Amino acid sequence: MSDLDNALTAWVTLFAAVMFVTAAISWWRLRSGRLLLATSAFGLFLAKGVLLTLALIDPRVARLMTPTVGLLLDTVVLALLALTLLRR
């Protein structure tokens, strides 16, 4: 990975962590099902960022984090966010 890829991976992971903590605090206060879905989506996005960061360090994780796995995780995140919007 290039230096730009490394910097973007770090930024996405940090942003996902901030969004996850913010959503978790909001869910803790309101106990809303919609916020739980959003929190889950941000948590999964954070997990993907952590896996991408670990892939920079450990080649075994790099073999696990193929583009297909990344796209599958993104699809689940988008589905959770869509459910958040569509849920009444």
N, C-alpha and C. Protein backbone atom coordinates (compact mmCIF):
# COMPACT_ATOMS: atom_id res chain seq x y z
N MET A 1 0.84 -1.18 0.00
CA MET A 1 0.00 0.00 0.00
C MET A 1 0.88 1.25 0.00
N SER A 2 0.38 2.27 -0.62
CA SER A 2 1.12 3.53 -0.67
C SER A 2 0.91 4.31 0.63
N ASP A 3 1.67 5.37 0.76
CA ASP A 3 1.52 6.23 1.94
C ASP A 3 0.14 6.86 1.97
N LEU A 4 -0.39 7.21 0.81
CA LEU A 4 -1.73 7.78 0.75
C LEU A 4 -2.77 6.76 1.22
N ASP A 5 -2.64 5.50 0.79
CA ASP A 5 -3.55 4.44 1.24
C ASP A 5 -3.48 4.27 2.76
N ASN A 6 -2.28 4.31 3.29
CA ASN A 6 -2.12 4.17 4.74
C ASN A 6 -2.78 5.33 5.48
N ALA A 7 -2.59 6.54 4.99
CA ALA A 7 -3.18 7.71 5.63
C ALA A 7 -4.70 7.67 5.54
N LEU A 8 -5.24 7.27 4.40
CA LEU A 8 -6.69 7.18 4.25
C LEU A 8 -7.27 6.08 5.13
N THR A 9 -6.57 4.97 5.25
CA THR A 9 -7.03 3.89 6.15
C THR A 9 -7.08 4.39 7.58
N ALA A 10 -6.06 5.12 8.01
CA ALA A 10 -6.05 5.66 9.37
C ALA A 10 -7.19 6.66 9.56
N TRP A 11 -7.42 7.52 8.58
CA TRP A 11 -8.50 8.51 8.67
C TRP A 11 -9.86 7.83 8.75
N VAL A 12 -10.11 6.86 7.90
CA VAL A 12 -11.41 6.17 7.89
C VAL A 12 -11.62 5.44 9.22
N THR A 13 -10.60 4.81 9.74
CA THR A 13 -10.71 4.11 11.02
C THR A 13 -11.00 5.08 12.15
N LEU A 14 -10.32 6.20 12.18
CA LEU A 14 -10.56 7.20 13.21
C LEU A 14 -11.96 7.78 13.10
N PHE A 15 -12.39 8.10 11.88
CA PHE A 15 -13.72 8.66 11.67
C PHE A 15 -14.80 7.65 12.07
N ALA A 16 -14.60 6.39 11.72
CA ALA A 16 -15.56 5.35 12.10
C ALA A 16 -15.62 5.20 13.61
N ALA A 17 -14.49 5.32 14.29
CA ALA A 17 -14.47 5.22 15.75
C ALA A 17 -15.26 6.36 16.38
N VAL A 18 -15.07 7.57 15.87
CA VAL A 18 -15.80 8.73 16.39
C VAL A 18 -17.29 8.56 16.15
N MET A 19 -17.68 8.13 14.97
CA MET A 19 -19.08 7.94 14.65
C MET A 19 -19.69 6.82 15.50
N PHE A 20 -18.94 5.75 15.72
CA PHE A 20 -19.42 4.64 16.55
C PHE A 20 -19.65 5.10 17.99
N VAL A 21 -18.70 5.81 18.56
CA VAL A 21 -18.84 6.28 19.94
C VAL A 21 -20.01 7.26 20.05
N THR A 22 -20.14 8.17 19.10
CA THR A 22 -21.24 9.13 19.12
C THR A 22 -22.59 8.41 19.04
N ALA A 23 -22.71 7.46 18.13
CA ALA A 23 -23.97 6.72 17.98
C ALA A 23 -24.24 5.87 19.21
N ALA A 24 -23.20 5.27 19.80
CA ALA A 24 -23.40 4.44 20.99
C ALA A 24 -23.88 5.27 22.17
N ILE A 25 -23.32 6.46 22.34
CA ILE A 25 -23.76 7.34 23.43
C ILE A 25 -25.20 7.76 23.20
N SER A 26 -25.54 8.09 21.96
CA SER A 26 -26.92 8.47 21.64
C SER A 26 -27.87 7.31 21.90
N TRP A 27 -27.47 6.11 21.49
CA TRP A 27 -28.32 4.94 21.74
C TRP A 27 -28.48 4.70 23.25
N TRP A 28 -27.39 4.85 23.99
CA TRP A 28 -27.44 4.63 25.44
C TRP A 28 -28.44 5.57 26.11
N ARG A 29 -28.50 6.79 25.62
CA ARG A 29 -29.42 7.78 26.21
C ARG A 29 -30.87 7.56 25.79
N LEU A 30 -31.09 7.19 24.53
CA LEU A 30 -32.45 7.13 23.99
C LEU A 30 -33.02 5.72 23.85
N ARG A 31 -32.16 4.72 23.77
CA ARG A 31 -32.58 3.32 23.60
C ARG A 31 -33.48 3.14 22.38
N SER A 32 -33.12 3.78 21.29
CA SER A 32 -33.89 3.72 20.06
C SER A 32 -33.38 2.57 19.19
N GLY A 33 -34.32 1.82 18.62
CA GLY A 33 -33.94 0.74 17.72
C GLY A 33 -33.21 1.23 16.48
N ARG A 34 -33.62 2.40 16.00
CA ARG A 34 -32.96 2.99 14.84
C ARG A 34 -31.51 3.33 15.17
N LEU A 35 -31.28 3.88 16.34
CA LEU A 35 -29.91 4.21 16.73
C LEU A 35 -29.07 2.95 16.94
N LEU A 36 -29.72 1.88 17.38
CA LEU A 36 -28.98 0.62 17.53
C LEU A 36 -28.51 0.11 16.17
N LEU A 37 -29.35 0.23 15.15
CA LEU A 37 -28.95 -0.17 13.81
C LEU A 37 -27.80 0.70 13.30
N ALA A 38 -27.90 2.00 13.52
CA ALA A 38 -26.83 2.90 13.09
C ALA A 38 -25.53 2.61 13.84
N THR A 39 -25.65 2.37 15.15
CA THR A 39 -24.47 2.04 15.95
C THR A 39 -23.83 0.76 15.44
N SER A 40 -24.64 -0.23 15.10
CA SER A 40 -24.12 -1.49 14.56
C SER A 40 -23.39 -1.25 13.24
N ALA A 41 -23.96 -0.41 12.39
CA ALA A 41 -23.33 -0.12 11.11
C ALA A 41 -21.96 0.55 11.31
N PHE A 42 -21.92 1.54 12.19
CA PHE A 42 -20.64 2.22 12.44
C PHE A 42 -19.65 1.29 13.13
N GLY A 43 -20.14 0.40 13.98
CA GLY A 43 -19.26 -0.57 14.63
C GLY A 43 -18.65 -1.53 13.62
N LEU A 44 -19.45 -1.96 12.66
CA LEU A 44 -18.94 -2.85 11.62
C LEU A 44 -17.94 -2.11 10.73
N PHE A 45 -18.22 -0.85 10.44
CA PHE A 45 -17.29 -0.06 9.65
C PHE A 45 -15.98 0.15 10.41
N LEU A 46 -16.07 0.33 11.72
CA LEU A 46 -14.87 0.44 12.55
C LEU A 46 -14.09 -0.88 12.53
N ALA A 47 -14.79 -2.00 12.62
CA ALA A 47 -14.12 -3.30 12.56
C ALA A 47 -13.37 -3.47 11.24
N LYS A 48 -14.00 -3.04 10.16
CA LYS A 48 -13.32 -3.10 8.85
C LYS A 48 -12.06 -2.24 8.86
N GLY A 49 -12.14 -1.05 9.43
CA GLY A 49 -10.97 -0.18 9.51
C GLY A 49 -9.85 -0.80 10.33
N VAL A 50 -10.22 -1.44 11.43
CA VAL A 50 -9.21 -2.10 12.27
C VAL A 50 -8.58 -3.26 11.50
N LEU A 51 -9.40 -4.02 10.78
CA LEU A 51 -8.84 -5.12 9.97
C LEU A 51 -7.90 -4.59 8.88
N LEU A 52 -8.29 -3.49 8.25
CA LEU A 52 -7.40 -2.90 7.23
C LEU A 52 -6.10 -2.41 7.85
N THR A 53 -6.18 -1.85 9.06
CA THR A 53 -4.98 -1.39 9.75
C THR A 53 -4.09 -2.58 10.12
N LEU A 54 -4.71 -3.65 10.62
CA LEU A 54 -3.94 -4.85 10.95
C LEU A 54 -3.32 -5.47 9.70
N ALA A 55 -4.00 -5.33 8.57
CA ALA A 55 -3.46 -5.87 7.32
C ALA A 55 -2.16 -5.18 6.91
N LEU A 56 -1.98 -3.95 7.36
CA LEU A 56 -0.72 -3.25 7.09
C LEU A 56 0.43 -3.86 7.87
N ILE A 57 0.11 -4.50 8.99
CA ILE A 57 1.13 -5.03 9.89
C ILE A 57 1.36 -6.52 9.68
N ASP A 58 0.27 -7.27 9.51
CA ASP A 58 0.35 -8.72 9.47
C ASP A 58 -0.10 -9.24 8.09
N PRO A 59 0.77 -9.93 7.38
CA PRO A 59 0.41 -10.43 6.06
C PRO A 59 -0.74 -11.44 6.08
N ARG A 60 -0.90 -12.16 7.20
CA ARG A 60 -2.01 -13.12 7.28
C ARG A 60 -3.35 -12.40 7.23
N VAL A 61 -3.44 -11.26 7.89
CA VAL A 61 -4.67 -10.48 7.86
C VAL A 61 -4.85 -9.86 6.47
N ALA A 62 -3.75 -9.49 5.85
CA ALA A 62 -3.82 -8.91 4.50
C ALA A 62 -4.41 -9.92 3.51
N ARG A 63 -4.10 -11.20 3.68
CA ARG A 63 -4.68 -12.22 2.80
C ARG A 63 -6.17 -12.37 3.06
N LEU A 64 -6.60 -12.15 4.30
CA LEU A 64 -8.02 -12.25 4.66
C LEU A 64 -8.82 -11.09 4.09
N MET A 65 -8.24 -9.89 4.13
CA MET A 65 -8.95 -8.68 3.70
C MET A 65 -8.83 -8.46 2.19
N THR A 66 -9.48 -9.32 1.45
CA THR A 66 -9.51 -9.17 0.00
C THR A 66 -10.52 -8.09 -0.37
N PRO A 67 -10.46 -7.59 -1.58
CA PRO A 67 -11.48 -6.61 -1.99
C PRO A 67 -12.91 -7.15 -1.87
N THR A 68 -13.09 -8.44 -2.10
CA THR A 68 -14.42 -9.04 -1.98
C THR A 68 -14.92 -8.96 -0.54
N VAL A 69 -14.06 -9.26 0.42
CA VAL A 69 -14.45 -9.18 1.83
C VAL A 69 -14.78 -7.73 2.19
N GLY A 70 -13.97 -6.81 1.73
CA GLY A 70 -14.24 -5.39 2.00
C GLY A 70 -15.57 -4.94 1.42
N LEU A 71 -15.86 -5.37 0.21
CA LEU A 71 -17.13 -5.00 -0.43
C LEU A 71 -18.32 -5.64 0.29
N LEU A 72 -18.15 -6.86 0.76
CA LEU A 72 -19.23 -7.51 1.52
C LEU A 72 -19.50 -6.76 2.82
N LEU A 73 -18.44 -6.36 3.51
CA LEU A 73 -18.63 -5.58 4.74
C LEU A 73 -19.30 -4.24 4.44
N ASP A 74 -18.89 -3.59 3.37
CA ASP A 74 -19.52 -2.32 2.98
C ASP A 74 -21.00 -2.52 2.67
N THR A 75 -21.34 -3.62 2.01
CA THR A 75 -22.73 -3.91 1.68
C THR A 75 -23.57 -4.09 2.94
N VAL A 76 -23.03 -4.79 3.92
CA VAL A 76 -23.77 -4.97 5.18
C VAL A 76 -23.94 -3.63 5.89
N VAL A 77 -22.90 -2.81 5.89
CA VAL A 77 -23.00 -1.47 6.50
C VAL A 77 -24.08 -0.65 5.81
N LEU A 78 -24.09 -0.66 4.50
CA LEU A 78 -25.10 0.10 3.77
C LEU A 78 -26.51 -0.44 4.03
N ALA A 79 -26.64 -1.76 4.14
CA ALA A 79 -27.95 -2.34 4.43
C ALA A 79 -28.42 -1.92 5.82
N LEU A 80 -27.53 -1.91 6.80
CA LEU A 80 -27.90 -1.48 8.15
C LEU A 80 -28.31 -0.01 8.15
N LEU A 81 -27.58 0.83 7.43
CA LEU A 81 -27.93 2.23 7.37
C LEU A 81 -29.28 2.44 6.64
N ALA A 82 -29.52 1.65 5.60
CA ALA A 82 -30.80 1.73 4.90
C ALA A 82 -31.95 1.32 5.83
N LEU A 83 -31.73 0.26 6.61
CA LEU A 83 -32.75 -0.15 7.57
C LEU A 83 -33.01 0.92 8.61
N THR A 84 -31.95 1.62 8.98
CA THR A 84 -32.10 2.72 9.93
C THR A 84 -33.05 3.78 9.37
N LEU A 85 -32.89 4.09 8.10
CA LEU A 85 -33.75 5.10 7.48
C LEU A 85 -35.16 4.60 7.23
N LEU A 86 -35.31 3.31 6.90
CA LEU A 86 -36.62 2.79 6.53
C LEU A 86 -37.46 2.34 7.72
N ARG A 87 -36.81 2.11 8.85
CA ARG A 87 -37.54 1.64 10.02
C ARG A 87 -38.38 2.76 10.61
N ARG A 88 -39.59 2.40 11.05
CA ARG A 88 -40.49 3.40 11.63
C ARG A 88 -40.31 3.50 13.11
